[in-house]
């Protein structure tokens, strides 16, 4: 799968479920993942980058593999 324009294909890091007694946020405010592929207009990230992104407006394309399409403008940071 090859994203177009400024879109990224990201494999989302899935965290373990909270243990009994641990708090869980009602809504997820950020997500982590690895860039699997990048569109031709992507400027700030590349394949293999570990990114933190906002989960709003993403499109899940393969739930079994936790793959989503993310607009580059939703990337908040690249882990270095």
PDB file of N, CA and C in Angstrom:
ATOM      1  N   UNK A   1       0.852  -1.165   0.000  1.00  0.00           N
ATOM      2  CA  UNK A   1       0.000   0.000   0.000  1.00  0.00           C
ATOM      3  C   UNK A   1       0.900   1.230   0.000  1.00  0.00           C
ATOM      4  N   UNK A   2       0.595   2.193  -0.866  1.00  0.00           N
ATOM      5  CA  UNK A   2       1.382   3.415  -0.986  1.00  0.00           C
ATOM      6  C   UNK A   2       0.475   4.621  -0.778  1.00  0.00           C
ATOM      7  N   UNK A   3       0.678   5.377   0.307  1.00  0.00           N
ATOM      8  CA  UNK A   3      -0.148   6.572   0.518  1.00  0.00           C
ATOM      9  C   UNK A   3       0.191   7.651  -0.510  1.00  0.00           C
ATOM     10  N   UNK A   4      -0.746   8.568  -0.730  1.00  0.00           N
ATOM     11  CA  UNK A   4      -0.531   9.643  -1.694  1.00  0.00           C
ATOM     12  C   UNK A   4      -0.437  10.991  -0.977  1.00  0.00           C
ATOM     13  N   UNK A   5       0.039  11.985  -1.708  1.00  0.00           N
ATOM     14  CA  UNK A   5       0.149  13.370  -1.241  1.00  0.00           C
ATOM     15  C   UNK A   5       0.872  13.452   0.095  1.00  0.00           C
ATOM     16  N   UNK A   6       0.239  14.074   1.109  1.00  0.00           N
ATOM     17  CA  UNK A   6       0.900  14.267   2.408  1.00  0.00           C
ATOM     18  C   UNK A   6       0.417  13.251   3.443  1.00  0.00           C
ATOM     19  N   UNK A   7       0.034  12.083   2.988  1.00  0.00           N
ATOM     20  CA  UNK A   7      -0.475  11.034   3.886  1.00  0.00           C
ATOM     21  C   UNK A   7       0.639  10.056   4.258  1.00  0.00           C
ATOM     22  N   UNK A   8       0.496   9.479   5.457  1.00  0.00           N
ATOM     23  CA  UNK A   8       1.442   8.490   5.968  1.00  0.00           C
ATOM     24  C   UNK A   8       0.704   7.204   6.305  1.00  0.00           C
ATOM     25  N   UNK A   9       1.324   6.082   6.040  1.00  0.00           N
ATOM     26  CA  UNK A   9       0.820   4.797   6.505  1.00  0.00           C
ATOM     27  C   UNK A   9       1.587   4.489   7.783  1.00  0.00           C
ATOM     28  N   UNK A  10       0.852   4.365   8.905  1.00  0.00           N
ATOM     29  CA  UNK A  10       1.483   4.212  10.215  1.00  0.00           C
ATOM     30  C   UNK A  10       0.998   2.933  10.881  1.00  0.00           C
ATOM     31  N   UNK A  11       1.945   2.179  11.438  1.00  0.00           N
ATOM     32  CA  UNK A  11       1.595   1.011  12.255  1.00  0.00           C
ATOM     33  C   UNK A  11       1.533   1.498  13.697  1.00  0.00           C
ATOM     34  N   UNK A  12       0.336   1.414  14.283  1.00  0.00           N
ATOM     35  CA  UNK A  12       0.097   1.930  15.626  1.00  0.00           C
ATOM     36  C   UNK A  12       0.675   0.980  16.669  1.00  0.00           C
ATOM     37  N   UNK A  13       1.379   1.567  17.656  1.00  0.00           N
ATOM     38  CA  UNK A  13       1.850   0.779  18.800  1.00  0.00           C
ATOM     39  C   UNK A  13       0.654   0.521  19.700  1.00  0.00           C
ATOM     40  N   UNK A  14       0.408  -0.741  20.000  1.00  0.00           N
ATOM     41  CA  UNK A  14      -0.717  -1.109  20.857  1.00  0.00           C
ATOM     42  C   UNK A  14      -0.174  -1.409  22.245  1.00  0.00           C
ATOM     43  N   UNK A  15      -0.669  -0.683  23.216  1.00  0.00           N
ATOM     44  CA  UNK A  15      -0.243  -0.867  24.614  1.00  0.00           C
ATOM     45  C   UNK A  15      -1.056  -1.989  25.246  1.00  0.00           C
ATOM     46  N   UNK A  16      -0.502  -2.555  26.280  1.00  0.00           N
ATOM     47  CA  UNK A  16      -1.239  -3.572  27.030  1.00  0.00           C
ATOM     48  C   UNK A  16      -2.409  -2.914  27.746  1.00  0.00           C
ATOM     49  N   UNK A  17      -3.441  -3.677  28.013  1.00  0.00           N
ATOM     50  CA  UNK A  17      -4.582  -3.173  28.757  1.00  0.00           C
ATOM     51  C   UNK A  17      -4.151  -2.850  30.185  1.00  0.00           C
ATOM     52  N   UNK A  18      -4.733  -1.788  30.793  1.00  0.00           N
ATOM     53  CA  UNK A  18      -4.372  -1.455  32.172  1.00  0.00           C
ATOM     54  C   UNK A  18      -4.708  -2.599  33.119  1.00  0.00           C
ATOM     55  N   UNK A  19      -3.860  -2.765  34.121  1.00  0.00           N
ATOM     56  CA  UNK A  19      -4.097  -3.793  35.129  1.00  0.00           C
ATOM     57  C   UNK A  19      -5.158  -3.301  36.102  1.00  0.00           C
ATOM     58  N   UNK A  20      -5.734  -4.221  36.833  1.00  0.00           N
ATOM     59  CA  UNK A  20      -6.773  -3.875  37.788  1.00  0.00           C
ATOM     60  C   UNK A  20      -6.228  -2.844  38.776  1.00  0.00           C
ATOM     61  N   UNK A  21      -6.991  -1.780  38.976  1.00  0.00           N
ATOM     62  CA  UNK A  21      -6.590  -0.719  39.875  1.00  0.00           C
ATOM     63  C   UNK A  21      -5.901   0.443  39.183  1.00  0.00           C
ATOM     64  N   UNK A  22      -5.420   0.254  37.951  1.00  0.00           N
ATOM     65  CA  UNK A  22      -4.801   1.350  37.208  1.00  0.00           C
ATOM     66  C   UNK A  22      -5.886   2.156  36.513  1.00  0.00           C
ATOM     67  N   UNK A  23      -5.640   3.457  36.425  1.00  0.00           N
ATOM     68  CA  UNK A  23      -6.613   4.324  35.754  1.00  0.00           C
ATOM     69  C   UNK A  23      -6.414   4.255  34.248  1.00  0.00           C
ATOM     70  N   UNK A  24      -7.517   4.431  33.545  1.00  0.00           N
ATOM     71  CA  UNK A  24      -7.472   4.470  32.094  1.00  0.00           C
ATOM     72  C   UNK A  24      -8.164   5.753  31.660  1.00  0.00           C
ATOM     73  N   UNK A  25      -7.531   6.500  30.764  1.00  0.00           N
ATOM     74  CA  UNK A  25      -8.131   7.741  30.274  1.00  0.00           C
ATOM     75  C   UNK A  25      -9.402   7.420  29.500  1.00  0.00           C
ATOM     76  N   UNK A  26     -10.407   8.287  29.635  1.00  0.00           N
ATOM     77  CA  UNK A  26     -11.674   8.086  28.942  1.00  0.00           C
ATOM     78  C   UNK A  26     -11.496   8.191  27.436  1.00  0.00           C
ATOM     79  N   UNK A  27     -10.618   9.071  27.019  1.00  0.00           N
ATOM     80  CA  UNK A  27     -10.371   9.241  25.584  1.00  0.00           C
ATOM     81  C   UNK A  27      -8.869   9.332  25.357  1.00  0.00           C
ATOM     82  N   UNK A  28      -8.402   8.739  24.289  1.00  0.00           N
ATOM     83  CA  UNK A  28      -6.979   8.779  23.966  1.00  0.00           C
ATOM     84  C   UNK A  28      -6.671  10.128  23.347  1.00  0.00           C
ATOM     85  N   UNK A  29      -5.649  10.808  23.884  1.00  0.00           N
ATOM     86  CA  UNK A  29      -5.326  12.127  23.361  1.00  0.00           C
ATOM     87  C   UNK A  29      -4.163  12.099  22.374  1.00  0.00           C
ATOM     88  N   UNK A  30      -3.268  11.101  22.483  1.00  0.00           N
ATOM     89  CA  UNK A  30      -2.190  10.946  21.510  1.00  0.00           C
ATOM     90  C   UNK A  30      -1.959   9.457  21.261  1.00  0.00           C
ATOM     91  N   UNK A  31      -1.337   9.155  20.126  1.00  0.00           N
ATOM     92  CA  UNK A  31      -1.013   7.778  19.780  1.00  0.00           C
ATOM     93  C   UNK A  31       0.439   7.725  19.318  1.00  0.00           C
ATOM     94  N   UNK A  32       1.027   6.553  19.412  1.00  0.00           N
ATOM     95  CA  UNK A  32       2.398   6.318  18.957  1.00  0.00           C
ATOM     96  C   UNK A  32       2.376   5.303  17.825  1.00  0.00           C
ATOM     97  N   UNK A  33       3.355   5.409  16.931  1.00  0.00           N
ATOM     98  CA  UNK A  33       3.449   4.429  15.861  1.00  0.00           C
ATOM     99  C   UNK A  33       4.711   4.598  15.045  1.00  0.00           C
ATOM    100  N   UNK A  34       4.852   3.717  14.057  1.00  0.00           N
ATOM    101  CA  UNK A  34       6.004   3.759  13.160  1.00  0.00           C
ATOM    102  C   UNK A  34       5.515   3.995  11.734  1.00  0.00           C
ATOM    103  N   UNK A  35       6.181   4.917  11.031  1.00  0.00           N
ATOM    104  CA  UNK A  35       5.832   5.206   9.638  1.00  0.00           C
ATOM    105  C   UNK A  35       6.273   4.032   8.777  1.00  0.00           C
ATOM    106  N   UNK A  36       5.308   3.429   8.073  1.00  0.00           N
ATOM    107  CA  UNK A  36       5.582   2.296   7.185  1.00  0.00           C
ATOM    108  C   UNK A  36       5.833   2.782   5.757  1.00  0.00           C
ATOM    109  N   UNK A  37       5.101   3.837   5.346  1.00  0.00           N
ATOM    110  CA  UNK A  37       5.265   4.413   4.014  1.00  0.00           C
ATOM    111  C   UNK A  37       4.808   5.861   4.043  1.00  0.00           C
ATOM    112  N   UNK A  38       5.342   6.671   3.122  1.00  0.00           N
ATOM    113  CA  UNK A  38       5.016   8.096   3.081  1.00  0.00           C
ATOM    114  C   UNK A  38       4.671   8.521   1.660  1.00  0.00           C
ATOM    115  N   UNK A  39       3.694   9.432   1.562  1.00  0.00           N
ATOM    116  CA  UNK A  39       3.303   9.980   0.268  1.00  0.00           C
ATOM    117  C   UNK A  39       4.380  10.899  -0.287  1.00  0.00           C
ATOM    118  N   UNK A  40       4.241  11.285  -1.541  1.00  0.00           N
ATOM    119  CA  UNK A  40       5.267  12.074  -2.231  1.00  0.00           C
ATOM    120  C   UNK A  40       5.388  13.510  -1.721  1.00  0.00           C
ATOM    121  N   UNK A  41       4.378  14.046  -1.061  1.00  0.00           N
ATOM    122  CA  UNK A  41       4.425  15.421  -0.567  1.00  0.00           C
ATOM    123  C   UNK A  41       4.756  15.522   0.923  1.00  0.00           C
ATOM    124  N   UNK A  42       5.115  14.408   1.551  1.00  0.00           N
ATOM    125  CA  UNK A  42       5.486  14.417   2.966  1.00  0.00           C
ATOM    126  C   UNK A  42       6.852  15.072   3.107  1.00  0.00           C
ATOM    127  N   UNK A  43       6.970  16.030   4.054  1.00  0.00           N
ATOM    128  CA  UNK A  43       8.200  16.807   4.179  1.00  0.00           C
ATOM    129  C   UNK A  43       9.009  16.514   5.433  1.00  0.00           C
ATOM    130  N   UNK A  44       8.349  16.170   6.532  1.00  0.00           N
ATOM    131  CA  UNK A  44       9.042  16.134   7.812  1.00  0.00           C
ATOM    132  C   UNK A  44       9.237  14.743   8.403  1.00  0.00           C
ATOM    133  N   UNK A  45       8.663  13.733   7.807  1.00  0.00           N
ATOM    134  CA  UNK A  45       8.805  12.377   8.321  1.00  0.00           C
ATOM    135  C   UNK A  45       9.177  11.437   7.183  1.00  0.00           C
ATOM    136  N   UNK A  46       9.692  10.277   7.554  1.00  0.00           N
ATOM    137  CA  UNK A  46      10.088   9.299   6.539  1.00  0.00           C
ATOM    138  C   UNK A  46       9.838   7.886   7.059  1.00  0.00           C
ATOM    139  N   UNK A  47       9.932   6.938   6.174  1.00  0.00           N
ATOM    140  CA  UNK A  47       9.732   5.534   6.537  1.00  0.00           C
ATOM    141  C   UNK A  47      10.680   5.170   7.673  1.00  0.00           C
ATOM    142  N   UNK A  48      10.127   4.486   8.689  1.00  0.00           N
ATOM    143  CA  UNK A  48      10.927   4.053   9.822  1.00  0.00           C
ATOM    144  C   UNK A  48      10.891   4.991  11.015  1.00  0.00           C
ATOM    145  N   UNK A  49      10.426   6.230  10.826  1.00  0.00           N
ATOM    146  CA  UNK A  49      10.330   7.177  11.942  1.00  0.00           C
ATOM    147  C   UNK A  49       9.313   6.698  12.961  1.00  0.00           C
ATOM    148  N   UNK A  50       9.644   6.853  14.234  1.00  0.00           N
ATOM    149  CA  UNK A  50       8.703   6.612  15.333  1.00  0.00           C
ATOM    150  C   UNK A  50       8.034   7.945  15.609  1.00  0.00           C
ATOM    151  N   UNK A  51       6.704   7.989  15.503  1.00  0.00           N
ATOM    152  CA  UNK A  51       5.989   9.260  15.605  1.00  0.00           C
ATOM    153  C   UNK A  51       4.937   9.241  16.706  1.00  0.00           C
ATOM    154  N   UNK A  52       4.612  10.435  17.187  1.00  0.00           N
ATOM    155  CA  UNK A  52       3.499  10.665  18.096  1.00  0.00           C
ATOM    156  C   UNK A  52       2.508  11.496  17.304  1.00  0.00           C
ATOM    157  N   UNK A  53       1.234  11.083  17.285  1.00  0.00           N
ATOM    158  CA  UNK A  53       0.260  11.794  16.461  1.00  0.00           C
ATOM    159  C   UNK A  53      -1.093  11.897  17.146  1.00  0.00           C
ATOM    160  N   UNK A  54      -1.864  12.861  16.689  1.00  0.00           N
ATOM    161  CA  UNK A  54      -3.223  13.050  17.190  1.00  0.00           C
ATOM    162  C   UNK A  54      -4.127  12.011  16.531  1.00  0.00           C
ATOM    163  N   UNK A  55      -5.003  11.357  17.310  1.00  0.00           N
ATOM    164  CA  UNK A  55      -5.824  10.277  16.767  1.00  0.00           C
ATOM    165  C   UNK A  55      -7.087  10.743  16.049  1.00  0.00           C
ATOM    166  N   UNK A  56      -7.243  12.023  15.868  1.00  0.00           N
ATOM    167  CA  UNK A  56      -8.465  12.554  15.264  1.00  0.00           C
ATOM    168  C   UNK A  56      -8.310  12.665  13.753  1.00  0.00           C
ATOM    169  N   UNK A  57      -9.268  12.155  13.015  1.00  0.00           N
ATOM    170  CA  UNK A  57      -9.234  12.245  11.561  1.00  0.00           C
ATOM    171  C   UNK A  57      -8.354  11.213  10.893  1.00  0.00           C
ATOM    172  N   UNK A  58      -8.001  10.147  11.608  1.00  0.00           N
ATOM    173  CA  UNK A  58      -7.207   9.084  10.988  1.00  0.00           C
ATOM    174  C   UNK A  58      -8.161   8.050  10.392  1.00  0.00           C
ATOM    175  N   UNK A  59      -7.665   7.305   9.428  1.00  0.00           N
ATOM    176  CA  UNK A  59      -8.464   6.267   8.785  1.00  0.00           C
ATOM    177  C   UNK A  59      -7.793   4.921   9.008  1.00  0.00           C
ATOM    178  N   UNK A  60      -8.489   4.012   9.671  1.00  0.00           N
ATOM    179  CA  UNK A  60      -7.954   2.673   9.903  1.00  0.00           C
ATOM    180  C   UNK A  60      -8.132   1.863   8.626  1.00  0.00           C
ATOM    181  N   UNK A  61      -7.027   1.304   8.127  1.00  0.00           N
ATOM    182  CA  UNK A  61      -7.096   0.560   6.869  1.00  0.00           C
ATOM    183  C   UNK A  61      -6.910  -0.938   7.051  1.00  0.00           C
ATOM    184  N   UNK A  62      -6.278  -1.351   8.147  1.00  0.00           N
ATOM    185  CA  UNK A  62      -6.088  -2.772   8.398  1.00  0.00           C
ATOM    186  C   UNK A  62      -6.083  -3.008   9.903  1.00  0.00           C
ATOM    187  N   UNK A  63      -7.258  -3.274  10.489  1.00  0.00           N
ATOM    188  CA  UNK A  63      -7.346  -3.447  11.939  1.00  0.00           C
ATOM    189  C   UNK A  63      -6.488  -4.598  12.487  1.00  0.00           C
ATOM    190  N   UNK A  64      -6.335  -5.677  11.728  1.00  0.00           N
ATOM    191  CA  UNK A  64      -5.554  -6.822  12.208  1.00  0.00           C
ATOM    192  C   UNK A  64      -4.082  -6.466  12.385  1.00  0.00           C
ATOM    193  N   UNK A  65      -3.569  -5.577  11.539  1.00  0.00           N
ATOM    194  CA  UNK A  65      -2.165  -5.174  11.609  1.00  0.00           C
ATOM    195  C   UNK A  65      -1.999  -3.797  12.239  1.00  0.00           C
ATOM    196  N   UNK A  66      -3.099  -3.191  12.722  1.00  0.00           N
ATOM    197  CA  UNK A  66      -3.066  -1.866  13.351  1.00  0.00           C
ATOM    198  C   UNK A  66      -2.491  -0.790  12.436  1.00  0.00           C
ATOM    199  N   UNK A  67      -2.893  -0.812  11.162  1.00  0.00           N
ATOM    200  CA  UNK A  67      -2.421   0.177  10.197  1.00  0.00           C
ATOM    201  C   UNK A  67      -3.456   1.280  10.012  1.00  0.00           C
ATOM    202  N   UNK A  68      -2.963   2.520  10.014  1.00  0.00           N
ATOM    203  CA  UNK A  68      -3.830   3.672   9.808  1.00  0.00           C
ATOM    204  C   UNK A  68      -3.185   4.622   8.797  1.00  0.00           C
ATOM    205  N   UNK A  69      -4.027   5.415   8.148  1.00  0.00           N
ATOM    206  CA  UNK A  69      -3.560   6.493   7.279  1.00  0.00           C
ATOM    207  C   UNK A  69      -3.685   7.783   8.077  1.00  0.00           C
ATOM    208  N   UNK A  70      -2.586   8.542   8.139  1.00  0.00           N
ATOM    209  CA  UNK A  70      -2.537   9.767   8.927  1.00  0.00           C
ATOM    210  C   UNK A  70      -2.052  10.907   8.041  1.00  0.00           C
ATOM    211  N   UNK A  71      -2.716  12.056   8.127  1.00  0.00           N
ATOM    212  CA  UNK A  71      -2.252  13.258   7.450  1.00  0.00           C
ATOM    213  C   UNK A  71      -1.004  13.744   8.183  1.00  0.00           C
ATOM    214  N   UNK A  72       0.021  14.165   7.451  1.00  0.00           N
ATOM    215  CA  UNK A  72       1.260  14.592   8.098  1.00  0.00           C
ATOM    216  C   UNK A  72       1.043  15.748   9.081  1.00  0.00           C
ATOM    217  N   UNK A  73       0.031  16.548   8.865  1.00  0.00           N
ATOM    218  CA  UNK A  73      -0.225  17.669   9.773  1.00  0.00           C
ATOM    219  C   UNK A  73      -0.664  17.206  11.163  1.00  0.00           C
ATOM    220  N   UNK A  74      -1.062  15.933  11.306  1.00  0.00           N
ATOM    221  CA  UNK A  74      -1.453  15.392  12.605  1.00  0.00           C
ATOM    222  C   UNK A  74      -0.252  14.868  13.412  1.00  0.00           C
ATOM    223  N   UNK A  75       0.935  14.842  12.796  1.00  0.00           N
ATOM    224  CA  UNK A  75       2.132  14.386  13.504  1.00  0.00           C
ATOM    225  C   UNK A  75       2.556  15.475  14.469  1.00  0.00           C
ATOM    226  N   UNK A  76       2.663  15.101  15.746  1.00  0.00           N
ATOM    227  CA  UNK A  76       3.024  16.051  16.791  1.00  0.00           C
ATOM    228  C   UNK A  76       4.532  16.049  17.060  1.00  0.00           C
ATOM    229  N   UNK A  77       5.176  14.884  16.903  1.00  0.00           N
ATOM    230  CA  UNK A  77       6.618  14.779  17.154  1.00  0.00           C
ATOM    231  C   UNK A  77       7.162  13.507  16.531  1.00  0.00           C
ATOM    232  N   UNK A  78       8.480  13.538  16.265  1.00  0.00           N
ATOM    233  CA  UNK A  78       9.211  12.363  15.818  1.00  0.00           C
ATOM    234  C   UNK A  78      10.187  11.995  16.933  1.00  0.00           C
ATOM    235  N   UNK A  79      10.116  10.760  17.411  1.00  0.00           N
ATOM    236  CA  UNK A  79      11.044  10.299  18.449  1.00  0.00           C
ATOM    237  C   UNK A  79      12.397  10.044  17.823  1.00  0.00           C
ATOM    238  N   UNK A  80      13.417  10.637  18.388  1.00  0.00           N
ATOM    239  CA  UNK A  80      14.782  10.462  17.840  1.00  0.00           C
ATOM    240  C   UNK A  80      15.654   9.709  18.803  1.00  0.00           C
TER     241      UNK A  80
END
